[in-house]
């Protein structure tokens, strides 16, 4: 229940009457509590997703939210990635590569086509100088002046792919050596 009121005074300042209003705000409070629960649920989900998530204002380039996984994948703290220019300078320290990435990202965002806002196998640099391979996807919410940035670390998959490629090359070289040796040099058994 919400109670409000005011006094009516005459010319001398004497109170001559009081006006009051009593409003039942039970439903309003229930809705407010439900909205707080929903916000807490969403916040908990975002904070604990297995992918990195950041929200940025499109107009100002300021980061408004960043989950811990986003920080962990990129290897920089929230305080060090406060806006888009800082983000690109830190994560892509090589100026030539940074310009290439920035140019591609800006071009893709300008199209306003969410299908073009996906970048795979991008190499990033963490604060300690180590390199990682990431896949990033931006989700534009132009009406809310917000860009949702998501990221996953695909470094392990990239290393596995490179390992398989190296193994294939090794096997091919062994086969070439076996063929080159020919039958006159005995037999080479690659697999038993």
N, C-alpha and C. Protein backbone atom coordinates (compact mmCIF):
# COMPACT_ATOMS: atom_id res chain seq x y z
N UNK A 1 0.84 -1.17 0.00
CA UNK A 1 0.00 0.00 0.00
C UNK A 1 0.88 1.24 0.00
N UNK A 2 0.51 2.20 -0.82
CA UNK A 2 1.24 3.46 -0.89
C UNK A 2 0.28 4.57 -0.51
N UNK A 3 0.72 5.40 0.42
CA UNK A 3 -0.11 6.51 0.89
C UNK A 3 0.59 7.81 0.55
N UNK A 4 -0.14 8.73 -0.03
CA UNK A 4 0.41 10.06 -0.31
C UNK A 4 -0.66 11.08 0.02
N UNK A 5 -0.23 12.27 0.33
CA UNK A 5 -1.21 13.30 0.67
C UNK A 5 -0.58 14.67 0.65
N UNK A 6 -1.43 15.66 0.71
CA UNK A 6 -0.96 17.04 0.77
C UNK A 6 -2.01 17.87 1.50
N UNK A 7 -1.58 19.03 1.95
CA UNK A 7 -2.47 19.92 2.69
C UNK A 7 -2.87 21.09 1.81
N UNK A 8 -4.09 21.55 2.04
CA UNK A 8 -4.57 22.75 1.36
C UNK A 8 -4.57 23.87 2.40
N UNK A 9 -3.94 25.00 2.06
CA UNK A 9 -3.82 26.11 3.01
C UNK A 9 -4.55 27.34 2.49
N UNK A 10 -4.99 28.16 3.46
CA UNK A 10 -5.61 29.43 3.06
C UNK A 10 -4.52 30.48 2.84
N UNK A 11 -4.95 31.75 2.63
CA UNK A 11 -4.02 32.84 2.34
C UNK A 11 -3.06 33.11 3.49
N UNK A 12 -3.46 32.76 4.68
CA UNK A 12 -2.61 33.03 5.84
C UNK A 12 -1.66 31.87 6.13
N UNK A 13 -1.80 30.76 5.40
CA UNK A 13 -0.93 29.62 5.60
C UNK A 13 -1.52 28.58 6.53
N UNK A 14 -2.74 28.81 6.95
CA UNK A 14 -3.41 27.88 7.84
C UNK A 14 -3.97 26.70 7.03
N UNK A 15 -3.75 25.47 7.54
CA UNK A 15 -4.26 24.28 6.86
C UNK A 15 -5.76 24.25 7.03
N UNK A 16 -6.45 24.20 5.87
CA UNK A 16 -7.91 24.16 5.94
C UNK A 16 -8.47 22.79 5.55
N UNK A 17 -7.63 21.99 4.83
CA UNK A 17 -8.06 20.63 4.52
C UNK A 17 -6.85 19.80 4.09
N UNK A 18 -7.07 18.51 4.11
CA UNK A 18 -6.02 17.58 3.71
C UNK A 18 -6.59 16.65 2.67
N UNK A 19 -5.78 16.42 1.62
CA UNK A 19 -6.19 15.50 0.55
C UNK A 19 -5.24 14.31 0.61
N UNK A 20 -5.80 13.12 0.59
CA UNK A 20 -4.98 11.93 0.66
C UNK A 20 -5.37 10.91 -0.39
N UNK A 21 -4.40 10.05 -0.72
CA UNK A 21 -4.63 9.01 -1.71
C UNK A 21 -3.96 7.74 -1.21
N UNK A 22 -4.73 6.68 -1.20
CA UNK A 22 -4.19 5.38 -0.82
C UNK A 22 -4.27 4.49 -2.06
N UNK A 23 -3.12 3.93 -2.44
CA UNK A 23 -3.05 3.11 -3.65
C UNK A 23 -2.54 1.72 -3.28
N UNK A 24 -3.22 0.71 -3.81
CA UNK A 24 -2.78 -0.66 -3.62
C UNK A 24 -1.72 -0.96 -4.69
N UNK A 25 -0.47 -1.15 -4.27
CA UNK A 25 0.63 -1.40 -5.22
C UNK A 25 1.14 -2.83 -5.11
N UNK A 26 0.29 -3.73 -4.62
CA UNK A 26 0.68 -5.13 -4.45
C UNK A 26 1.13 -5.74 -5.77
N UNK A 27 0.35 -5.56 -6.84
CA UNK A 27 0.70 -6.12 -8.14
C UNK A 27 1.97 -5.50 -8.69
N UNK A 28 2.14 -4.21 -8.48
CA UNK A 28 3.36 -3.52 -8.92
C UNK A 28 4.59 -4.10 -8.22
N UNK A 29 4.48 -4.34 -6.94
CA UNK A 29 5.59 -4.92 -6.17
C UNK A 29 5.88 -6.35 -6.62
N UNK A 30 4.84 -7.14 -6.88
CA UNK A 30 5.02 -8.51 -7.36
C UNK A 30 5.77 -8.49 -8.70
N UNK A 31 5.37 -7.59 -9.59
CA UNK A 31 6.02 -7.47 -10.89
C UNK A 31 7.47 -7.04 -10.72
N UNK A 32 7.72 -6.11 -9.83
CA UNK A 32 9.09 -5.64 -9.57
C UNK A 32 9.97 -6.77 -9.05
N UNK A 33 9.46 -7.57 -8.13
CA UNK A 33 10.21 -8.69 -7.57
C UNK A 33 10.48 -9.74 -8.66
N UNK A 34 9.47 -10.00 -9.49
CA UNK A 34 9.62 -10.96 -10.58
C UNK A 34 10.67 -10.48 -11.59
N UNK A 35 10.67 -9.19 -11.88
CA UNK A 35 11.65 -8.61 -12.80
C UNK A 35 13.06 -8.71 -12.21
N UNK A 36 13.20 -8.47 -10.91
CA UNK A 36 14.50 -8.62 -10.25
C UNK A 36 14.99 -10.06 -10.32
N UNK A 37 14.08 -11.01 -10.13
CA UNK A 37 14.44 -12.43 -10.22
C UNK A 37 14.91 -12.78 -11.63
N UNK A 38 14.18 -12.29 -12.64
CA UNK A 38 14.56 -12.54 -14.03
C UNK A 38 15.93 -11.95 -14.34
N UNK A 39 16.15 -10.73 -13.90
CA UNK A 39 17.45 -10.08 -14.12
C UNK A 39 18.58 -10.86 -13.45
N UNK A 40 18.34 -11.33 -12.24
CA UNK A 40 19.35 -12.10 -11.52
C UNK A 40 19.63 -13.42 -12.25
N UNK A 41 18.58 -14.05 -12.75
CA UNK A 41 18.73 -15.29 -13.51
C UNK A 41 19.58 -15.05 -14.76
N UNK A 42 19.24 -14.02 -15.52
CA UNK A 42 19.99 -13.69 -16.74
C UNK A 42 21.44 -13.37 -16.40
N UNK A 43 21.65 -12.59 -15.35
CA UNK A 43 23.00 -12.24 -14.93
C UNK A 43 23.81 -13.47 -14.56
N UNK A 44 23.20 -14.40 -13.83
CA UNK A 44 23.88 -15.63 -13.43
C UNK A 44 24.23 -16.48 -14.65
N UNK A 45 23.31 -16.58 -15.59
CA UNK A 45 23.57 -17.35 -16.81
C UNK A 45 24.73 -16.73 -17.58
N UNK A 46 24.68 -15.43 -17.82
CA UNK A 46 25.75 -14.75 -18.56
C UNK A 46 27.10 -14.90 -17.86
N UNK A 47 27.10 -14.74 -16.55
CA UNK A 47 28.35 -14.83 -15.79
C UNK A 47 28.99 -16.21 -15.85
N UNK A 48 28.17 -17.24 -16.08
CA UNK A 48 28.67 -18.62 -16.00
C UNK A 48 28.63 -19.38 -17.31
N UNK A 49 28.40 -18.71 -18.42
CA UNK A 49 28.41 -19.38 -19.72
C UNK A 49 29.81 -19.90 -20.02
N UNK A 50 29.90 -21.01 -20.77
CA UNK A 50 31.21 -21.54 -21.13
C UNK A 50 31.84 -20.79 -22.32
N UNK A 51 31.22 -19.72 -22.77
CA UNK A 51 31.78 -18.88 -23.83
C UNK A 51 31.95 -17.47 -23.28
N UNK A 52 32.82 -16.71 -23.90
CA UNK A 52 33.01 -15.32 -23.51
C UNK A 52 31.90 -14.45 -24.08
N UNK A 53 31.40 -13.53 -23.26
CA UNK A 53 30.35 -12.60 -23.70
C UNK A 53 30.69 -11.20 -23.21
N UNK A 54 30.58 -10.24 -24.12
CA UNK A 54 30.74 -8.84 -23.75
C UNK A 54 29.65 -8.03 -24.45
N UNK A 55 29.23 -6.95 -23.79
CA UNK A 55 28.26 -6.02 -24.37
C UNK A 55 28.94 -4.68 -24.53
N UNK A 56 28.77 -4.09 -25.70
CA UNK A 56 29.36 -2.78 -25.98
C UNK A 56 28.30 -1.85 -26.55
N UNK A 57 28.37 -0.58 -26.15
CA UNK A 57 27.51 0.42 -26.77
C UNK A 57 28.05 0.69 -28.17
N UNK A 58 27.20 0.64 -29.16
CA UNK A 58 27.64 0.82 -30.54
C UNK A 58 28.16 2.25 -30.74
N UNK A 59 27.41 3.24 -30.29
CA UNK A 59 27.79 4.64 -30.53
C UNK A 59 29.07 5.06 -29.84
N UNK A 60 29.24 4.67 -28.58
CA UNK A 60 30.40 5.14 -27.80
C UNK A 60 31.56 4.15 -27.79
N UNK A 61 31.33 2.92 -28.22
CA UNK A 61 32.33 1.84 -28.19
C UNK A 61 32.71 1.41 -26.78
N UNK A 62 31.97 1.85 -25.78
CA UNK A 62 32.28 1.51 -24.39
C UNK A 62 31.74 0.13 -24.04
N UNK A 63 32.55 -0.64 -23.31
CA UNK A 63 32.11 -1.94 -22.81
C UNK A 63 31.20 -1.72 -21.61
N UNK A 64 30.03 -2.33 -21.64
CA UNK A 64 29.09 -2.18 -20.52
C UNK A 64 28.99 -3.46 -19.69
N UNK A 65 29.44 -4.58 -20.26
CA UNK A 65 29.43 -5.85 -19.53
C UNK A 65 30.47 -6.76 -20.16
N UNK A 66 31.09 -7.59 -19.32
CA UNK A 66 32.05 -8.58 -19.79
C UNK A 66 32.07 -9.72 -18.77
N UNK A 67 31.80 -10.95 -19.24
CA UNK A 67 31.85 -12.05 -18.28
C UNK A 67 33.29 -12.52 -18.08
N UNK A 68 33.50 -13.33 -17.06
CA UNK A 68 34.84 -13.80 -16.73
C UNK A 68 35.47 -14.63 -17.83
N UNK A 69 34.65 -15.39 -18.55
CA UNK A 69 35.17 -16.24 -19.62
C UNK A 69 35.72 -15.37 -20.76
N UNK A 70 35.11 -14.23 -21.02
CA UNK A 70 35.61 -13.31 -22.05
C UNK A 70 37.01 -12.84 -21.66
N UNK A 71 37.16 -12.45 -20.40
CA UNK A 71 38.47 -12.03 -19.89
C UNK A 71 39.48 -13.17 -19.99
N UNK A 72 39.06 -14.36 -19.60
CA UNK A 72 39.93 -15.52 -19.58
C UNK A 72 40.42 -15.89 -20.99
N UNK A 73 39.51 -15.89 -21.95
CA UNK A 73 39.88 -16.27 -23.31
C UNK A 73 40.84 -15.25 -23.91
N UNK A 74 40.51 -13.97 -23.78
CA UNK A 74 41.37 -12.94 -24.37
C UNK A 74 42.63 -12.67 -23.55
N UNK A 75 42.60 -13.06 -22.26
CA UNK A 75 43.78 -12.90 -21.43
C UNK A 75 44.04 -11.48 -20.96
N UNK A 76 43.01 -10.66 -20.94
CA UNK A 76 43.10 -9.27 -20.47
C UNK A 76 41.93 -9.02 -19.52
N UNK A 77 42.12 -8.12 -18.55
CA UNK A 77 41.06 -7.82 -17.58
C UNK A 77 40.04 -6.84 -18.17
N UNK A 78 38.89 -6.78 -17.52
CA UNK A 78 37.83 -5.84 -17.92
C UNK A 78 38.36 -4.41 -17.96
N UNK A 79 39.15 -4.08 -16.96
CA UNK A 79 39.67 -2.71 -16.87
C UNK A 79 40.59 -2.38 -18.04
N UNK A 80 41.22 -3.39 -18.63
CA UNK A 80 42.13 -3.15 -19.74
C UNK A 80 41.42 -3.15 -21.10
N UNK A 81 40.18 -3.59 -21.11
CA UNK A 81 39.40 -3.67 -22.35
C UNK A 81 38.12 -2.84 -22.23
N UNK A 82 38.25 -1.60 -21.77
CA UNK A 82 37.08 -0.76 -21.48
C UNK A 82 36.33 -0.29 -22.71
N UNK A 83 37.02 -0.25 -23.86
CA UNK A 83 36.35 0.19 -25.08
C UNK A 83 36.95 -0.54 -26.28
N UNK A 84 36.33 -0.39 -27.41
CA UNK A 84 36.73 -1.13 -28.61
C UNK A 84 38.15 -0.77 -29.07
N UNK A 85 38.52 0.52 -29.13
CA UNK A 85 39.90 0.82 -29.54
C UNK A 85 40.95 0.18 -28.62
N UNK A 86 40.73 0.22 -27.31
CA UNK A 86 41.66 -0.43 -26.36
C UNK A 86 41.71 -1.93 -26.61
N UNK A 87 40.55 -2.52 -26.84
CA UNK A 87 40.45 -3.95 -27.10
C UNK A 87 41.34 -4.33 -28.28
N UNK A 88 41.18 -3.63 -29.41
CA UNK A 88 41.95 -3.98 -30.61
C UNK A 88 43.44 -3.75 -30.42
N UNK A 89 43.82 -2.68 -29.72
CA UNK A 89 45.24 -2.41 -29.49
C UNK A 89 45.89 -3.50 -28.63
N UNK A 90 45.18 -3.97 -27.63
CA UNK A 90 45.74 -4.97 -26.71
C UNK A 90 45.76 -6.37 -27.34
N UNK A 91 44.65 -6.75 -27.93
CA UNK A 91 44.48 -8.12 -28.42
C UNK A 91 45.21 -8.36 -29.74
N UNK A 92 45.40 -7.30 -30.52
CA UNK A 92 46.10 -7.40 -31.80
C UNK A 92 47.24 -6.39 -31.81
N UNK A 93 48.35 -6.67 -31.09
CA UNK A 93 49.42 -5.69 -30.95
C UNK A 93 50.18 -5.40 -32.25
N UNK A 94 50.21 -6.35 -33.18
CA UNK A 94 50.86 -6.11 -34.46
C UNK A 94 49.97 -5.17 -35.28
N UNK A 95 50.49 -4.00 -35.60
CA UNK A 95 49.67 -2.96 -36.24
C UNK A 95 49.10 -3.40 -37.59
N UNK A 96 49.88 -4.08 -38.38
CA UNK A 96 49.43 -4.52 -39.69
C UNK A 96 48.27 -5.52 -39.57
N UNK A 97 48.44 -6.50 -38.69
CA UNK A 97 47.39 -7.51 -38.48
C UNK A 97 46.15 -6.85 -37.87
N UNK A 98 46.36 -5.92 -36.93
CA UNK A 98 45.24 -5.22 -36.29
C UNK A 98 44.44 -4.47 -37.34
N UNK A 99 45.11 -3.75 -38.25
CA UNK A 99 44.41 -3.00 -39.28
C UNK A 99 43.60 -3.92 -40.18
N UNK A 100 44.16 -5.09 -40.48
CA UNK A 100 43.45 -6.08 -41.29
C UNK A 100 42.18 -6.54 -40.58
N UNK A 101 42.30 -6.87 -39.29
CA UNK A 101 41.15 -7.35 -38.52
C UNK A 101 40.11 -6.24 -38.34
N UNK A 102 40.56 -5.05 -37.94
CA UNK A 102 39.65 -3.92 -37.73
C UNK A 102 38.89 -3.61 -39.02
N UNK A 103 39.60 -3.58 -40.13
CA UNK A 103 38.99 -3.29 -41.43
C UNK A 103 37.90 -4.31 -41.75
N UNK A 104 38.21 -5.60 -41.54
CA UNK A 104 37.23 -6.66 -41.82
C UNK A 104 36.02 -6.55 -40.91
N UNK A 105 36.26 -6.34 -39.62
CA UNK A 105 35.16 -6.26 -38.65
C UNK A 105 34.26 -5.06 -38.97
N UNK A 106 34.86 -3.90 -39.20
CA UNK A 106 34.06 -2.70 -39.49
C UNK A 106 33.25 -2.89 -40.77
N UNK A 107 33.89 -3.44 -41.80
CA UNK A 107 33.19 -3.70 -43.06
C UNK A 107 32.00 -4.62 -42.84
N UNK A 108 32.20 -5.68 -42.07
CA UNK A 108 31.12 -6.64 -41.81
C UNK A 108 30.00 -6.02 -40.98
N UNK A 109 30.35 -5.21 -39.99
CA UNK A 109 29.33 -4.59 -39.14
C UNK A 109 28.53 -3.56 -39.94
N UNK A 110 29.19 -2.80 -40.81
CA UNK A 110 28.50 -1.79 -41.62
C UNK A 110 27.41 -2.39 -42.49
N UNK A 111 27.56 -3.66 -42.87
CA UNK A 111 26.54 -4.30 -43.70
C UNK A 111 25.24 -4.52 -42.92
N UNK A 112 25.36 -4.51 -41.58
CA UNK A 112 24.22 -4.79 -40.70
C UNK A 112 23.67 -6.21 -40.91
N UNK A 113 24.45 -7.04 -41.58
CA UNK A 113 24.08 -8.43 -41.85
C UNK A 113 24.73 -9.32 -40.79
N UNK A 114 23.92 -9.86 -39.89
CA UNK A 114 24.47 -10.66 -38.79
C UNK A 114 25.20 -11.91 -39.29
N UNK A 115 24.88 -12.39 -40.49
CA UNK A 115 25.58 -13.55 -41.04
C UNK A 115 27.04 -13.25 -41.36
N UNK A 116 27.37 -11.98 -41.56
CA UNK A 116 28.76 -11.60 -41.86
C UNK A 116 29.56 -11.30 -40.60
N UNK A 117 28.92 -11.31 -39.45
CA UNK A 117 29.59 -10.94 -38.21
C UNK A 117 30.10 -12.17 -37.46
N UNK A 118 30.76 -13.05 -38.23
CA UNK A 118 31.35 -14.28 -37.68
C UNK A 118 32.77 -14.37 -38.22
N UNK A 119 33.72 -14.54 -37.30
CA UNK A 119 35.12 -14.59 -37.69
C UNK A 119 35.76 -15.81 -37.05
N UNK A 120 36.27 -16.71 -37.88
CA UNK A 120 36.84 -17.98 -37.40
C UNK A 120 38.36 -17.98 -37.49
N UNK A 121 38.95 -18.71 -36.55
CA UNK A 121 40.40 -18.93 -36.50
C UNK A 121 41.20 -17.63 -36.52
N UNK A 122 40.75 -16.68 -35.74
CA UNK A 122 41.46 -15.42 -35.59
C UNK A 122 42.55 -15.62 -34.53
N UNK A 123 43.73 -15.11 -34.81
CA UNK A 123 44.83 -15.23 -33.83
C UNK A 123 44.85 -13.98 -32.97
N UNK A 124 44.80 -14.20 -31.66
CA UNK A 124 44.84 -13.09 -30.70
C UNK A 124 46.09 -13.22 -29.83
N UNK A 125 46.42 -12.13 -29.17
CA UNK A 125 47.57 -12.12 -28.26
C UNK A 125 47.08 -11.76 -26.86
N UNK A 126 47.44 -12.58 -25.89
CA UNK A 126 47.05 -12.32 -24.50
C UNK A 126 48.05 -11.37 -23.86
N UNK A 127 47.76 -10.93 -22.66
CA UNK A 127 48.64 -9.99 -21.95
C UNK A 127 50.04 -10.56 -21.76
N UNK A 128 50.14 -11.88 -21.54
CA UNK A 128 51.47 -12.48 -21.33
C UNK A 128 52.20 -12.77 -22.65
N UNK A 129 51.58 -12.38 -23.77
CA UNK A 129 52.23 -12.54 -25.07
C UNK A 129 51.92 -13.83 -25.79
N UNK A 130 51.19 -14.74 -25.13
CA UNK A 130 50.87 -16.00 -25.79
C UNK A 130 49.78 -15.78 -26.85
N UNK A 131 49.79 -16.66 -27.84
CA UNK A 131 48.84 -16.58 -28.96
C UNK A 131 47.75 -17.61 -28.77
N UNK A 132 46.55 -17.24 -29.17
CA UNK A 132 45.41 -18.17 -29.14
C UNK A 132 44.63 -18.02 -30.43
N UNK A 133 43.95 -19.09 -30.79
CA UNK A 133 43.03 -19.06 -31.93
C UNK A 133 41.62 -18.97 -31.36
N UNK A 134 40.84 -18.05 -31.89
CA UNK A 134 39.47 -17.88 -31.39
C UNK A 134 38.49 -17.82 -32.56
N UNK A 135 37.23 -18.12 -32.24
CA UNK A 135 36.11 -17.86 -33.13
C UNK A 135 35.25 -16.82 -32.42
N UNK A 136 34.90 -15.76 -33.15
CA UNK A 136 34.10 -14.70 -32.56
C UNK A 136 32.84 -14.48 -33.38
N UNK A 137 31.77 -14.13 -32.68
CA UNK A 137 30.50 -13.81 -33.33
C UNK A 137 29.95 -12.57 -32.65
N UNK A 138 29.54 -11.59 -33.45
CA UNK A 138 28.87 -10.41 -32.92
C UNK A 138 27.39 -10.49 -33.26
N UNK A 139 26.58 -10.08 -32.30
CA UNK A 139 25.13 -10.05 -32.48
C UNK A 139 24.70 -8.60 -32.29
N UNK A 140 24.33 -7.93 -33.38
CA UNK A 140 23.96 -6.52 -33.27
C UNK A 140 22.53 -6.36 -32.77
N UNK A 141 22.36 -5.47 -31.81
CA UNK A 141 21.03 -5.07 -31.34
C UNK A 141 20.96 -3.55 -31.57
N UNK A 142 20.79 -3.18 -32.83
CA UNK A 142 20.87 -1.78 -33.21
C UNK A 142 19.85 -0.91 -32.48
N UNK A 143 18.66 -1.44 -32.26
CA UNK A 143 17.61 -0.67 -31.58
C UNK A 143 17.99 -0.33 -30.14
N UNK A 144 18.81 -1.17 -29.52
CA UNK A 144 19.27 -0.94 -28.15
C UNK A 144 20.67 -0.33 -28.10
N UNK A 145 21.22 0.00 -29.28
CA UNK A 145 22.56 0.58 -29.36
C UNK A 145 23.59 -0.35 -28.69
N UNK A 146 23.40 -1.66 -28.87
CA UNK A 146 24.25 -2.64 -28.20
C UNK A 146 24.76 -3.67 -29.19
N UNK A 147 26.05 -4.00 -29.02
CA UNK A 147 26.65 -5.10 -29.78
C UNK A 147 27.02 -6.18 -28.77
N UNK A 148 26.48 -7.37 -28.98
CA UNK A 148 26.82 -8.52 -28.15
C UNK A 148 27.99 -9.22 -28.84
N UNK A 149 29.10 -9.35 -28.14
CA UNK A 149 30.28 -10.03 -28.69
C UNK A 149 30.48 -11.34 -27.96
N UNK A 150 30.58 -12.42 -28.72
CA UNK A 150 30.82 -13.73 -28.12
C UNK A 150 32.13 -14.28 -28.66
N UNK A 151 32.78 -15.12 -27.86
CA UNK A 151 34.06 -15.68 -28.27
C UNK A 151 34.24 -17.07 -27.67
N UNK A 152 34.86 -17.97 -28.45
CA UNK A 152 35.27 -19.27 -27.94
C UNK A 152 36.74 -19.47 -28.33
N UNK A 153 37.45 -20.16 -27.46
CA UNK A 153 38.86 -20.47 -27.69
C UNK A 153 38.92 -21.79 -28.46
N UNK A 154 39.47 -21.76 -29.67
CA UNK A 154 39.57 -22.97 -30.49
C UNK A 154 41.04 -23.38 -30.66
N UNK A 155 41.89 -22.93 -29.75
CA UNK A 155 43.33 -23.24 -29.83
C UNK A 155 43.59 -24.74 -29.81
N UNK A 156 42.90 -25.48 -28.95
CA UNK A 156 43.11 -26.93 -28.86
C UNK A 156 42.74 -27.62 -30.17
N UNK A 157 41.61 -27.21 -30.75
CA UNK A 157 41.20 -27.80 -32.02
C UNK A 157 42.21 -27.48 -33.12
N UNK A 158 42.71 -26.24 -33.11
CA UNK A 158 43.68 -25.83 -34.12
C UNK A 158 44.97 -26.64 -33.99
N UNK A 159 45.44 -26.86 -32.76
CA UNK A 159 46.64 -27.67 -32.53
C UNK A 159 46.41 -29.10 -33.00
N UNK A 160 45.23 -29.65 -32.73
CA UNK A 160 44.92 -31.01 -33.16
C UNK A 160 44.92 -31.09 -34.68
N UNK A 161 44.33 -30.09 -35.35
CA UNK A 161 44.32 -30.07 -36.81
C UNK A 161 45.74 -30.02 -37.36
N UNK A 162 46.58 -29.20 -36.74
CA UNK A 162 47.96 -29.08 -37.20
C UNK A 162 48.71 -30.39 -36.96
N UNK A 163 48.42 -31.07 -35.86
CA UNK A 163 49.04 -32.36 -35.58
C UNK A 163 48.65 -33.40 -36.60
N UNK A 164 47.38 -33.42 -36.98
CA UNK A 164 46.91 -34.37 -37.99
C UNK A 164 47.57 -34.06 -39.33
N UNK A 165 47.67 -32.77 -39.66
CA UNK A 165 48.33 -32.37 -40.91
C UNK A 165 49.78 -32.82 -40.95
N UNK A 166 50.48 -32.66 -39.83
CA UNK A 166 51.88 -33.09 -39.75
C UNK A 166 51.98 -34.60 -39.90
N UNK A 167 51.08 -35.33 -39.27
CA UNK A 167 51.07 -36.79 -39.37
C UNK A 167 50.84 -37.23 -40.81
N UNK A 168 49.93 -36.59 -41.50
CA UNK A 168 49.64 -36.93 -42.91
C UNK A 168 50.88 -36.70 -43.77
N UNK A 169 51.56 -35.58 -43.54
CA UNK A 169 52.79 -35.29 -44.29
C UNK A 169 53.85 -36.35 -44.01
N UNK A 170 54.00 -36.72 -42.75
CA UNK A 170 54.98 -37.74 -42.36
C UNK A 170 54.69 -39.07 -43.05
N UNK A 171 53.44 -39.48 -43.04
CA UNK A 171 53.04 -40.74 -43.68
C UNK A 171 53.30 -40.66 -45.18
N UNK A 172 52.97 -39.52 -45.79
CA UNK A 172 53.20 -39.35 -47.22
C UNK A 172 54.69 -39.46 -47.54
N UNK A 173 55.54 -38.86 -46.72
CA UNK A 173 56.99 -38.94 -46.93
C UNK A 173 57.48 -40.38 -46.79
N UNK A 174 56.96 -41.11 -45.81
CA UNK A 174 57.32 -42.52 -45.66
C UNK A 174 56.92 -43.34 -46.88
N UNK A 175 55.73 -43.06 -47.41
CA UNK A 175 55.27 -43.77 -48.60
C UNK A 175 56.16 -43.46 -49.80
N UNK A 176 56.51 -42.19 -49.96
CA UNK A 176 57.39 -41.80 -51.05
C UNK A 176 58.73 -42.50 -50.91
N UNK A 177 59.27 -42.54 -49.68
CA UNK A 177 60.55 -43.21 -49.44
C UNK A 177 60.44 -44.69 -49.75
N UNK A 178 59.33 -45.33 -49.40
CA UNK A 178 59.14 -46.76 -49.66
C UNK A 178 59.06 -47.02 -51.16
N UNK A 179 58.36 -46.17 -51.87
CA UNK A 179 58.24 -46.33 -53.32
C UNK A 179 59.59 -46.10 -53.98
N UNK A 180 60.30 -45.07 -53.50
CA UNK A 180 61.61 -44.75 -54.08
C UNK A 180 62.61 -45.87 -53.82
N UNK A 181 62.52 -46.51 -52.67
CA UNK A 181 63.45 -47.60 -52.34
C UNK A 181 63.22 -48.78 -53.26
N UNK A 182 61.99 -48.96 -53.65
CA UNK A 182 61.65 -50.02 -54.59
C UNK A 182 61.93 -51.41 -54.04
N UNK A 183 61.57 -52.43 -54.84
CA UNK A 183 61.73 -53.81 -54.40
C UNK A 183 63.18 -54.26 -54.28
N UNK A 184 64.10 -53.59 -54.96
CA UNK A 184 65.50 -54.05 -54.92
C UNK A 184 66.15 -53.81 -53.58
N UNK A 185 65.60 -52.97 -52.75
CA UNK A 185 66.19 -52.67 -51.45
C UNK A 185 65.48 -53.39 -50.30
N UNK A 186 64.76 -54.37 -50.64
CA UNK A 186 64.04 -55.10 -49.61
C UNK A 186 62.66 -54.50 -49.47
N UNK A 187 61.94 -54.90 -48.46
CA UNK A 187 60.59 -54.37 -48.28
C UNK A 187 60.53 -53.48 -47.04
N UNK A 188 59.73 -52.47 -47.16
CA UNK A 188 59.50 -51.57 -46.01
C UNK A 188 58.09 -51.82 -45.53
N UNK A 189 57.96 -52.14 -44.28
CA UNK A 189 56.63 -52.38 -43.71
C UNK A 189 56.25 -51.14 -42.91
N UNK A 190 55.23 -50.44 -43.38
CA UNK A 190 54.77 -49.25 -42.67
C UNK A 190 53.79 -49.62 -41.56
N UNK A 191 52.94 -50.61 -41.84
CA UNK A 191 51.93 -51.00 -40.86
C UNK A 191 51.89 -52.52 -40.78
N UNK A 192 51.74 -53.04 -39.62
CA UNK A 192 51.58 -54.48 -39.45
C UNK A 192 50.23 -54.78 -38.90
